[in-house]
Protein backbone atom coordinates (compact mmCIF):
# COMPACT_ATOMS: atom_id res chain seq x y z
CA MET A 1 0.75 5.14 -4.35
CA ASP A 2 0.08 2.01 -2.33
CA SER A 3 2.64 -0.46 -0.74
CA PHE A 4 2.08 -4.00 -0.03
CA THR A 5 4.40 -6.42 1.89
CA GLY A 6 4.35 -9.78 3.67
CA ASP A 7 2.71 -7.81 6.63
CA SER A 8 -0.39 -6.97 4.61
CA SER A 9 -3.62 -8.81 5.21
CA GLY A 10 -4.59 -11.97 3.36
CA GLY A 11 -7.12 -10.06 1.30
CA ILE A 12 -4.42 -8.81 -1.03
CA LEU A 13 -4.53 -12.29 -2.84
CA LEU A 14 -7.93 -11.57 -4.31
CA GLN A 15 -8.93 -10.61 -7.80
CA GLU A 16 -11.45 -8.07 -6.64
CA PHE A 17 -8.75 -6.36 -4.50
CA TRP A 18 -6.25 -5.95 -7.40
CA ASP A 19 -9.02 -4.83 -9.90
CA LYS A 20 -9.86 -2.03 -7.54
CA THR A 21 -6.24 -1.22 -6.70
CA LEU A 22 -5.17 -1.04 -10.36
CA GLU A 23 -8.11 1.19 -11.10
CA GLU A 24 -7.36 3.64 -8.44
CA LYS A 25 -3.55 3.64 -8.15
CA THR A 26 -0.84 4.44 -10.62
CA ILE A 27 2.11 3.44 -8.60
CA ILE A 28 2.37 0.22 -6.39
CA VAL A 29 5.28 -0.74 -4.15
CA CYS A 30 5.38 -4.39 -3.13
CA THR A 31 7.77 -7.23 -2.35
CA ALA A 32 8.87 -9.27 -5.32
CA GLU A 33 7.07 -12.38 -4.05
CA ILE A 34 3.77 -10.52 -3.99
CA LEU A 35 4.08 -9.49 -7.58
CA HIS A 36 5.15 -12.95 -8.48
CA GLN A 37 2.05 -14.44 -6.87
CA CYS A 38 -0.20 -11.87 -8.47
CA LEU A 39 1.20 -12.71 -11.92
CA ARG A 40 0.99 -16.37 -11.27
CA HIS A 41 -2.67 -16.08 -10.34
CA SER A 42 -3.44 -13.64 -13.15
CA PHE A 43 -4.66 -10.96 -10.67
CA VAL A 44 -2.16 -8.68 -12.52
CA ARG A 45 -0.92 -9.11 -16.11
CA MET A 46 2.56 -8.09 -17.23
CA VAL A 47 1.10 -6.04 -20.13
CA GLN A 48 -0.63 -3.84 -17.54
CA ILE A 49 2.67 -2.69 -16.13
CA ASN A 50 4.59 0.29 -17.67
CA LEU A 51 7.75 0.31 -15.52
CA LEU A 52 9.31 -2.45 -13.18
CA ILE A 53 11.81 -1.26 -10.65
CA PHE A 54 13.88 -3.84 -8.96
CA ASP A 55 15.79 -2.80 -5.83
CA GLU A 56 18.86 -5.04 -5.01
CA ALA A 57 18.61 -6.29 -8.60
CA HIS A 58 21.59 -8.55 -8.19
CA HIS A 59 19.33 -11.05 -6.45
CA ALA A 60 17.67 -11.87 -9.93
CA LYS A 61 19.18 -15.39 -10.26
CA LYS A 62 18.18 -19.07 -9.76
CA ASN A 63 14.60 -19.13 -8.23
CA HIS A 64 14.53 -15.75 -6.62
CA PRO A 65 11.12 -14.04 -7.33
CA TYR A 66 12.90 -11.37 -9.49
CA ALA A 67 14.16 -14.20 -11.70
CA ARG A 68 10.89 -16.01 -11.79
CA ILE A 69 8.96 -12.83 -12.76
CA ILE A 70 11.27 -12.29 -15.75
CA LYS A 71 11.58 -15.93 -16.87
CA ASP A 72 7.81 -16.84 -16.47
CA PHE A 73 6.06 -13.62 -17.41
CA PHE A 74 8.42 -11.05 -19.02
CA ALA A 75 10.40 -13.16 -21.46
CA THR A 76 7.20 -14.95 -22.74
CA LEU A 77 5.97 -11.54 -24.03
CA GLU A 78 9.00 -11.13 -26.14
CA GLU A 79 8.36 -14.49 -27.75
CA LYS A 80 4.82 -13.37 -28.57
CA ASN A 81 6.00 -9.94 -29.76
CA GLN A 82 3.85 -8.24 -27.12
CA GLU A 83 4.60 -4.98 -25.53
CA ARG A 84 6.58 -5.32 -22.36
CA PRO A 85 7.26 -2.90 -19.46
CA ARG A 86 10.64 -1.14 -19.09
CA ILE A 87 12.87 -2.37 -16.37
CA LEU A 88 15.02 -0.32 -13.99
CA GLY A 89 17.27 -2.46 -11.73
CA MET A 90 19.15 -0.78 -8.82
CA THR A 91 22.08 -2.24 -6.92
CA ALA A 92 25.29 -1.12 -5.31
CA SER A 93 27.06 -4.40 -6.41
CA PRO A 94 25.89 -6.29 -9.46
CA VAL A 95 28.02 -9.24 -8.33
CA ASP A 96 27.33 -10.66 -4.76
CA ALA A 97 29.16 -14.02 -4.97
CA LYS A 98 32.74 -15.43 -5.36
CA THR A 99 32.51 -15.91 -9.18
CA ASN A 100 33.76 -14.34 -12.37
CA MET A 101 32.70 -10.78 -12.25
CA TYR A 102 32.32 -10.32 -15.95
CA ILE A 103 30.30 -13.64 -16.43
CA ALA A 104 28.09 -12.77 -13.56
CA ALA A 105 27.46 -9.18 -14.89
CA ALA A 106 26.76 -10.55 -18.30
CA GLN A 107 24.20 -13.05 -16.95
CA LEU A 108 22.44 -10.44 -14.95
CA GLU A 109 22.24 -8.19 -18.03
CA GLY A 110 20.83 -11.10 -20.01
CA LEU A 111 18.22 -12.08 -17.56
CA LEU A 112 16.99 -8.63 -16.84
CA HIS A 113 17.21 -7.63 -20.52
CA CYS A 114 19.11 -4.67 -19.35
CA GLU A 115 22.55 -3.02 -19.66
CA ILE A 116 24.62 -2.21 -16.49
CA ALA A 117 25.35 1.44 -16.21
CA THR A 118 27.55 3.12 -13.71
CA ILE A 119 29.34 6.42 -13.19
CA ASP A 120 32.55 7.14 -15.12
CA ASP A 121 34.29 9.18 -12.50
CA ALA A 122 36.37 6.74 -10.41
CA ASP A 123 37.14 9.48 -8.00
CA ALA A 124 33.56 9.28 -6.73
CA PHE A 125 34.16 5.77 -5.59
CA ALA A 126 37.39 6.84 -3.69
CA LYS A 127 35.42 9.59 -1.97
CA ALA A 128 32.75 7.23 -0.94
CA ALA A 129 35.39 4.77 0.52
CA ILE A 130 37.15 7.60 2.40
CA ASN A 131 33.92 8.97 3.92
CA LYS A 132 32.59 5.53 4.84
CA PRO A 133 31.26 5.64 8.40
CA LYS A 134 33.20 3.63 11.09
CA GLU A 135 31.53 0.58 12.49
CA GLY A 136 30.88 0.49 16.21
CA PHE A 137 29.35 -1.74 18.75
CA ILE A 138 26.82 -1.14 21.59
CA GLU A 139 27.16 -3.32 24.59
CA TYR A 140 23.87 -4.34 26.37
CA TRP A 141 22.87 -6.52 29.30
CA ASN A 142 21.18 -9.77 28.20
CA MET A 143 18.04 -10.48 30.11
CA ASP A 144 17.22 -13.84 31.77
CA SER A 145 15.58 -16.81 30.08
CA PRO A 146 12.25 -16.08 28.20
CA PHE A 147 9.06 -16.30 30.23
CA GLU A 148 5.28 -16.36 29.83
CA THR A 149 3.42 -13.22 30.53
CA ASP A 150 -0.11 -13.23 32.12
CA LEU A 151 -1.65 -12.43 28.77
CA TRP A 152 0.31 -15.21 27.14
CA ARG A 153 -0.96 -17.72 29.61
CA LYS A 154 -4.56 -16.67 29.30
CA LEU A 155 -4.49 -16.77 25.44
CA HIS A 156 -2.70 -20.20 25.57
CA GLN A 157 -5.53 -21.62 27.56
CA VAL A 158 -7.93 -20.49 24.84
CA VAL A 159 -6.17 -21.03 21.47
CA GLY A 160 -2.90 -22.74 22.52
CA GLU A 161 -3.82 -25.85 20.44
CA ASN A 162 -4.66 -23.92 17.26
CA PRO A 163 -1.45 -24.14 15.00
CA ALA A 164 -2.27 -20.72 13.43
CA PHE A 165 -1.26 -19.09 16.75
CA GLY A 166 1.92 -21.33 17.18
CA ARG A 167 4.40 -18.86 15.74
CA LEU A 168 3.10 -15.96 17.69
CA PHE A 169 3.20 -17.78 21.04
CA GLY A 170 6.83 -18.67 20.37
CA TYR A 171 7.75 -15.19 19.28
CA SER A 172 5.91 -13.48 22.18
CA LYS A 173 7.71 -15.59 24.76
CA GLN A 174 11.11 -15.05 23.20
CA CYS A 175 10.23 -11.31 22.94
CA THR A 176 10.35 -10.95 26.75
CA THR A 177 14.19 -11.17 26.55
CA GLU A 178 14.79 -9.65 23.20
CA LEU A 179 12.58 -6.49 23.42
CA GLY A 180 10.95 -6.61 26.92
CA ARG A 181 7.80 -7.41 28.65
CA TRP A 182 5.78 -4.57 27.16
CA ALA A 183 6.58 -5.61 23.53
CA ALA A 184 5.81 -9.21 24.27
CA ASP A 185 2.15 -8.20 25.04
CA ARG A 186 1.99 -5.35 22.57
CA VAL A 187 2.59 -7.63 19.65
CA TRP A 188 -0.72 -9.36 20.32
CA GLN A 189 -2.43 -5.97 19.92
CA LEU A 190 -0.64 -5.33 16.57
CA TRP A 191 -1.11 -8.81 15.22
CA LEU A 192 -4.47 -10.10 16.38
CA THR A 193 -6.63 -7.54 14.59
CA LYS A 194 -10.26 -8.18 13.60
CA GLU A 195 -9.23 -8.86 9.97
CA GLU A 196 -6.60 -11.34 11.13
CA ALA A 197 -9.02 -13.09 13.54
CA GLU A 198 -11.43 -13.49 10.68
CA TRP A 199 -8.71 -14.81 8.47
CA ILE A 200 -7.66 -17.43 11.17
CA GLU A 201 -11.32 -18.46 11.56
CA ALA A 202 -11.57 -19.12 7.87
CA LYS A 203 -8.24 -20.96 7.91
CA THR A 204 -9.28 -23.10 10.81
CA GLU A 205 -12.39 -24.13 8.92
CA ARG A 206 -10.40 -24.97 5.75
CA ASP A 207 -7.99 -27.09 7.73
CA PHE A 208 -10.87 -28.87 9.46
CA ASN A 209 -12.57 -29.65 6.25
CA SER A 210 -9.38 -30.75 4.47
CA MET A 211 -8.71 -33.23 7.26
CA GLN A 212 -11.98 -35.05 6.45
CA SER A 213 -12.20 -35.81 10.13
CA SER A 214 -15.13 -37.79 11.73
CA GLN A 215 -15.23 -35.13 14.43
CA PRO A 216 -18.64 -33.49 14.83
CA ILE A 217 -19.25 -29.90 13.47
CA SER A 218 -19.46 -28.86 17.11
CA VAL A 219 -15.66 -29.23 17.36
CA LEU A 220 -15.08 -26.70 14.49
CA ASP A 221 -17.66 -24.33 16.12
CA ALA A 222 -15.59 -24.39 19.29
CA LYS A 223 -12.40 -23.67 17.60
CA ARG A 224 -13.84 -20.69 15.67
CA LYS A 225 -15.45 -19.39 18.88
CA ALA A 226 -12.00 -19.65 20.59
CA VAL A 227 -10.47 -17.48 17.91
CA ARG A 228 -13.10 -14.80 18.48
CA GLN A 229 -12.65 -15.15 22.24
CA ALA A 230 -8.88 -14.59 21.89
CA HIS A 231 -9.48 -11.42 19.78
CA ASP A 232 -11.88 -10.00 22.35
CA MET A 233 -9.50 -10.94 25.11
CA VAL A 234 -6.71 -8.85 23.45
CA ALA A 235 -9.07 -6.02 22.62
CA ASN A 236 -10.22 -5.63 26.19
CA TYR A 237 -6.99 -6.58 28.10
CA PRO A 238 -5.70 -3.94 30.59
CA PHE A 239 -2.21 -3.60 28.98
CA GLN A 240 0.69 -2.34 31.03
CA LYS A 241 1.56 1.35 30.61
CA LEU A 242 4.85 1.78 28.73
CA GLU A 243 7.66 3.23 30.91
CA LEU A 244 11.29 3.71 30.29
CA GLY A 245 12.85 1.09 32.29
CA TRP A 246 13.91 -2.61 32.47
CA PHE A 247 10.55 -3.75 33.67
CA CYS A 248 8.95 -2.67 30.35
CA LEU A 249 11.78 -2.77 27.86
CA SER A 250 14.90 -4.81 27.43
CA ASP A 251 18.32 -3.22 27.94
CA LYS A 252 18.93 -3.93 24.26
CA VAL A 253 16.09 -1.52 23.26
CA LEU A 254 16.92 0.99 25.90
CA LYS A 255 20.46 1.19 24.66
CA LEU A 256 19.24 1.58 21.08
CA VAL A 257 16.98 4.45 22.09
CA GLU A 258 19.77 6.00 24.05
CA HIS A 259 22.13 5.80 21.15
CA LEU A 260 19.64 7.40 18.71
CA LYS A 261 18.99 10.23 21.08
CA LYS A 262 22.69 10.90 21.33
CA HIS A 263 23.72 10.57 17.63
CA PHE A 264 20.53 10.99 15.44
CA ASP A 265 19.30 14.47 14.31
CA PRO A 266 15.75 14.07 13.06
CA GLU A 267 16.11 17.53 11.32
CA GLY A 268 18.56 16.14 8.71
CA ASP A 269 19.50 12.51 9.45
CA LYS A 270 18.13 9.23 8.14
CA CYS A 271 18.54 5.86 9.72
CA VAL A 272 17.78 2.17 8.73
CA ILE A 273 17.59 -0.49 11.36
CA PHE A 274 17.51 -4.11 10.30
CA ALA A 275 15.97 -7.00 12.20
CA GLU A 276 15.59 -10.76 11.38
CA GLN A 277 11.89 -10.96 12.07
CA ARG A 278 9.16 -8.82 10.64
CA LEU A 279 7.23 -8.78 13.88
CA THR A 280 10.24 -7.14 15.50
CA VAL A 281 10.17 -4.52 12.74
CA ALA A 282 6.54 -3.87 13.39
CA LEU A 283 7.12 -3.51 17.16
CA LEU A 284 10.12 -1.25 16.90
CA ALA A 285 8.34 1.06 14.37
CA ASP A 286 5.32 1.15 16.84
CA LEU A 287 7.50 1.75 19.84
CA PHE A 288 9.30 4.68 18.29
CA LYS A 289 5.88 6.44 17.96
CA GLN A 290 5.16 6.14 21.65
CA PRO A 291 5.24 9.67 23.43
CA VAL A 292 7.01 8.34 26.47
CA LEU A 293 10.18 7.98 24.45
CA SER A 294 10.25 11.67 23.83
CA LEU A 295 11.46 11.23 20.31
CA GLN A 296 10.23 14.55 18.73
CA GLY A 297 10.67 14.73 15.00
CA TYR A 298 11.21 11.09 14.43
CA ARG A 299 9.09 9.66 11.69
CA PRO A 300 9.41 5.87 11.77
CA GLY A 301 8.21 3.64 8.89
CA LYS A 302 8.66 -0.08 8.20
CA LEU A 303 9.44 -2.29 5.35
CA VAL A 304 9.00 -6.12 5.74
CA SER A 305 9.78 -9.13 3.52
CA ILE A 306 7.15 -11.64 2.41
CA ARG A 307 8.70 -14.39 4.48
CA ALA A 308 8.19 -14.97 8.17
CA LEU A 309 11.88 -14.93 8.63
CA GLY A 310 14.40 -12.91 6.72
CA GLN A 311 16.00 -9.49 6.84
CA SER A 312 13.51 -6.69 7.32
CA CYS A 313 13.94 -3.11 8.39
CA PHE A 314 12.41 -0.03 9.51
CA ASP A 315 13.58 3.46 8.74
CA ILE A 316 13.58 6.77 10.59
CA ASP A 317 13.73 10.18 8.97
């Protein structure tokens, strides 16, 4: 089984990649948008799929990727009398908006070519409501204004004008207050890999050519060289050793670690932590693997959306 998300490298949108993947793998887990793009570019054909499983299937409406997959690629097979994959949609609530429940349920069944099924025992719902965990709040000290680390300033001198780095510069700076100084630098190690640097180089060249600029080719060479220099700078940078304290991590993160140590049993518990940005998910999943936290038995993983912003999560079991 392989899994692909918005955090995967740009190479996943290549025909050769999917030809090899489909030949070697029988189960693929990916975000809906990745499957939609693969179908749209004919990297994958609907007739090659035996079973489609949609999690949170109630999102299948309007222009959501679930809806586009069904309308653009699944329904057309029915019109041509071609074999189609089976569909299993999973959701805790088929209706997620203030609308007529029966109409919304019927529309969902019609779009997904499925029939909603649920348990007959109403007592099961009552038990779930009774045993529902209580909500709680963790208070933490909010750090001062975001600041630029030494690594941030050095990288900005090299590639600060390259728009491909703009989002990460903004995130890394904000990260100093949200997650702490260590995470603000660590994100560069996780993000600016050799593969990512090569992809940015190629994008820089594409952008340069598309502008049809009168600038000499030496300008492009300088920009590509700067990307390689930034990668080498991160690869060879003397990163700060992670320590449990406010100088490395924010109080927000420290309180999270403290809470999990107190309430989470890695022998039998499972936990899902949601974050708004996928880089935060990657950092937290990486942080929980660091030995200094002394989280024996923890097995963190991550699931990120295709979009730069949007709810993502990492799980611990």
